[in-house]
Structures are given as C-alpha cells and as structure tokens.
Amino acid sequence: MTAAVRQLLDTFDALPEADKHQAAVEILRRVTAGVEGDLPETALVEVADDLFRALDEQESGHAAG
C-alpha cells in the first residue's frame, strides 16, 4: 500500500460515520463511472466483501485498543 493510500485511509478513519458512508458511496461511484451498464454481481459481491472485511478489521482493532 502506498503512502498516499495509507494517508487517505487514515483520513477516512477519522471521519464521522455519516461522512464515511458518503465517502464510500462516492468512491464506488467514481470507480464504476467508466463501466457501461450494470456491474456484474460478482464484482459487487467482491467490493462488498472487501468493504465488510475492512470494517471488521477496523472494529476489531478498536475493541482491542
């Protein structure tokens, strides 16, 4: 992971929950902007899995701290 991505994620982690949701939606919108038609279901499932995994890791980190 690059320093720029780490900085982005650190900034994201510092946001209030509502802002995190808005940022995640906007990032997904931008990532999928160049895709014509609907995304394949497998791609959506993969993105959701990655998001939930990251949220679980973040939550477990807060519980341990």
N, C-alpha and C. Protein backbone atom coordinates (compact mmCIF):
# COMPACT_ATOMS: atom_id res chain seq x y z
N MET A 1 0.85 -1.17 0.00
CA MET A 1 0.00 0.00 0.00
C MET A 1 0.90 1.23 0.00
N THR A 2 0.56 2.17 -0.85
CA THR A 2 1.38 3.38 -0.95
C THR A 2 1.09 4.32 0.23
N ALA A 3 1.99 5.25 0.42
CA ALA A 3 1.82 6.24 1.49
C ALA A 3 0.57 7.08 1.24
N ALA A 4 0.29 7.40 -0.02
CA ALA A 4 -0.88 8.21 -0.34
C ALA A 4 -2.17 7.47 0.02
N VAL A 5 -2.21 6.17 -0.28
CA VAL A 5 -3.40 5.38 0.07
C VAL A 5 -3.54 5.27 1.58
N ARG A 6 -2.44 5.04 2.28
CA ARG A 6 -2.47 4.95 3.75
C ARG A 6 -2.97 6.26 4.34
N GLN A 7 -2.51 7.40 3.81
CA GLN A 7 -2.94 8.70 4.30
C GLN A 7 -4.44 8.89 4.05
N LEU A 8 -4.89 8.50 2.87
CA LEU A 8 -6.32 8.59 2.55
C LEU A 8 -7.14 7.77 3.52
N LEU A 9 -6.71 6.54 3.79
CA LEU A 9 -7.45 5.68 4.70
C LEU A 9 -7.43 6.20 6.14
N ASP A 10 -6.30 6.74 6.55
CA ASP A 10 -6.22 7.33 7.89
C ASP A 10 -7.19 8.50 8.03
N THR A 11 -7.25 9.33 7.00
CA THR A 11 -8.17 10.46 7.00
C THR A 11 -9.61 9.94 7.00
N PHE A 12 -9.88 8.92 6.20
CA PHE A 12 -11.21 8.31 6.16
C PHE A 12 -11.60 7.79 7.55
N ASP A 13 -10.67 7.11 8.22
CA ASP A 13 -10.95 6.55 9.55
C ASP A 13 -11.31 7.63 10.57
N ALA A 14 -10.80 8.84 10.37
CA ALA A 14 -11.05 9.93 11.31
C ALA A 14 -12.41 10.60 11.09
N LEU A 15 -13.09 10.27 10.00
CA LEU A 15 -14.38 10.89 9.68
C LEU A 15 -15.49 10.36 10.58
N PRO A 16 -16.52 11.17 10.79
CA PRO A 16 -17.72 10.66 11.46
C PRO A 16 -18.37 9.59 10.57
N GLU A 17 -19.14 8.70 11.16
CA GLU A 17 -19.72 7.57 10.43
C GLU A 17 -20.53 8.01 9.21
N ALA A 18 -21.32 9.05 9.32
CA ALA A 18 -22.13 9.51 8.19
C ALA A 18 -21.24 9.96 7.03
N ASP A 19 -20.15 10.63 7.33
CA ASP A 19 -19.22 11.07 6.30
C ASP A 19 -18.49 9.89 5.67
N LYS A 20 -18.18 8.88 6.49
CA LYS A 20 -17.56 7.67 5.94
C LYS A 20 -18.46 7.02 4.91
N HIS A 21 -19.74 6.95 5.23
CA HIS A 21 -20.70 6.35 4.30
C HIS A 21 -20.75 7.14 3.00
N GLN A 22 -20.83 8.46 3.10
CA GLN A 22 -20.88 9.30 1.90
C GLN A 22 -19.62 9.15 1.07
N ALA A 23 -18.46 9.09 1.74
CA ALA A 23 -17.19 8.93 1.03
C ALA A 23 -17.13 7.58 0.32
N ALA A 24 -17.56 6.53 1.00
CA ALA A 24 -17.53 5.19 0.40
C ALA A 24 -18.43 5.13 -0.83
N VAL A 25 -19.61 5.71 -0.75
CA VAL A 25 -20.53 5.73 -1.88
C VAL A 25 -19.91 6.50 -3.05
N GLU A 26 -19.30 7.63 -2.76
CA GLU A 26 -18.70 8.44 -3.82
C GLU A 26 -17.51 7.73 -4.46
N ILE A 27 -16.70 7.06 -3.67
CA ILE A 27 -15.56 6.31 -4.23
C ILE A 27 -16.07 5.20 -5.13
N LEU A 28 -17.08 4.47 -4.68
CA LEU A 28 -17.64 3.41 -5.52
C LEU A 28 -18.23 3.98 -6.80
N ARG A 29 -18.89 5.13 -6.70
CA ARG A 29 -19.46 5.77 -7.88
C ARG A 29 -18.36 6.12 -8.87
N ARG A 30 -17.26 6.66 -8.38
CA ARG A 30 -16.16 7.05 -9.26
C ARG A 30 -15.46 5.84 -9.87
N VAL A 31 -15.30 4.80 -9.10
CA VAL A 31 -14.65 3.60 -9.61
C VAL A 31 -15.48 2.97 -10.71
N THR A 32 -16.78 3.02 -10.57
CA THR A 32 -17.66 2.36 -11.54
C THR A 32 -18.13 3.30 -12.64
N ALA A 33 -17.70 4.55 -12.63
CA ALA A 33 -18.18 5.54 -13.60
C ALA A 33 -17.84 5.15 -15.03
N GLY A 34 -16.71 4.52 -15.26
CA GLY A 34 -16.32 4.16 -16.61
C GLY A 34 -16.89 2.84 -17.10
N VAL A 35 -17.64 2.17 -16.23
CA VAL A 35 -18.21 0.88 -16.59
C VAL A 35 -19.57 1.10 -17.23
N GLU A 36 -19.73 0.56 -18.44
CA GLU A 36 -21.02 0.70 -19.11
C GLU A 36 -21.97 -0.38 -18.61
N GLY A 37 -23.22 0.00 -18.40
CA GLY A 37 -24.21 -0.96 -17.93
C GLY A 37 -24.02 -1.26 -16.46
N ASP A 38 -24.70 -2.27 -16.02
CA ASP A 38 -24.62 -2.68 -14.62
C ASP A 38 -23.34 -3.47 -14.38
N LEU A 39 -22.82 -3.34 -13.18
CA LEU A 39 -21.68 -4.16 -12.80
C LEU A 39 -22.13 -5.61 -12.64
N PRO A 40 -21.28 -6.55 -13.00
CA PRO A 40 -21.63 -7.94 -12.74
C PRO A 40 -21.81 -8.17 -11.24
N GLU A 41 -22.72 -9.05 -10.89
CA GLU A 41 -22.99 -9.31 -9.47
C GLU A 41 -21.73 -9.75 -8.74
N THR A 42 -20.88 -10.51 -9.40
CA THR A 42 -19.66 -10.98 -8.74
C THR A 42 -18.75 -9.81 -8.36
N ALA A 43 -18.72 -8.77 -9.19
CA ALA A 43 -17.91 -7.60 -8.88
C ALA A 43 -18.48 -6.86 -7.68
N LEU A 44 -19.80 -6.74 -7.62
CA LEU A 44 -20.43 -6.08 -6.48
C LEU A 44 -20.20 -6.86 -5.19
N VAL A 45 -20.30 -8.19 -5.27
CA VAL A 45 -20.08 -9.03 -4.10
C VAL A 45 -18.64 -8.88 -3.62
N GLU A 46 -17.70 -8.83 -4.57
CA GLU A 46 -16.28 -8.68 -4.21
C GLU A 46 -16.03 -7.35 -3.50
N VAL A 47 -16.61 -6.28 -4.03
CA VAL A 47 -16.44 -4.96 -3.41
C VAL A 47 -17.07 -4.95 -2.02
N ALA A 48 -18.25 -5.52 -1.89
CA ALA A 48 -18.92 -5.58 -0.58
C ALA A 48 -18.10 -6.40 0.40
N ASP A 49 -17.58 -7.54 -0.04
CA ASP A 49 -16.75 -8.38 0.83
C ASP A 49 -15.53 -7.61 1.32
N ASP A 50 -14.87 -6.91 0.40
CA ASP A 50 -13.69 -6.12 0.78
C ASP A 50 -14.06 -5.05 1.80
N LEU A 51 -15.19 -4.37 1.56
CA LEU A 51 -15.61 -3.32 2.48
C LEU A 51 -15.93 -3.89 3.86
N PHE A 52 -16.69 -4.97 3.91
CA PHE A 52 -17.04 -5.57 5.20
C PHE A 52 -15.80 -6.11 5.92
N ARG A 53 -14.87 -6.68 5.18
CA ARG A 53 -13.63 -7.18 5.79
C ARG A 53 -12.86 -6.03 6.42
N ALA A 54 -12.76 -4.92 5.69
CA ALA A 54 -12.04 -3.75 6.22
C ALA A 54 -12.74 -3.19 7.45
N LEU A 55 -14.06 -3.15 7.41
CA LEU A 55 -14.80 -2.64 8.57
C LEU A 55 -14.64 -3.57 9.77
N ASP A 56 -14.65 -4.89 9.54
CA ASP A 56 -14.43 -5.85 10.62
C ASP A 56 -13.06 -5.68 11.24
N GLU A 57 -12.04 -5.49 10.38
CA GLU A 57 -10.68 -5.29 10.89
C GLU A 57 -10.60 -4.02 11.71
N GLN A 58 -11.25 -2.98 11.23
CA GLN A 58 -11.24 -1.72 11.96
C GLN A 58 -11.95 -1.87 13.30
N GLU A 59 -13.09 -2.54 13.29
CA GLU A 59 -13.85 -2.73 14.51
C GLU A 59 -13.08 -3.59 15.52
N SER A 60 -12.43 -4.63 15.07
CA SER A 60 -11.67 -5.49 15.98
C SER A 60 -10.46 -4.74 16.52
N GLY A 61 -9.91 -3.84 15.73
CA GLY A 61 -8.80 -3.01 16.22
C GLY A 61 -9.23 -2.06 17.31
N HIS A 62 -10.44 -1.52 17.20
CA HIS A 62 -10.95 -0.62 18.24
C HIS A 62 -11.31 -1.40 19.49
N ALA A 63 -11.77 -2.62 19.36
CA ALA A 63 -12.12 -3.44 20.52
C ALA A 63 -10.89 -3.84 21.30
N ALA A 64 -9.79 -4.07 20.59
CA ALA A 64 -8.55 -4.49 21.24
C ALA A 64 -7.86 -3.32 21.93
N GLY A 65 -8.12 -2.09 21.44
CA GLY A 65 -7.41 -0.92 21.95
C GLY A 65 -8.00 -0.30 23.08
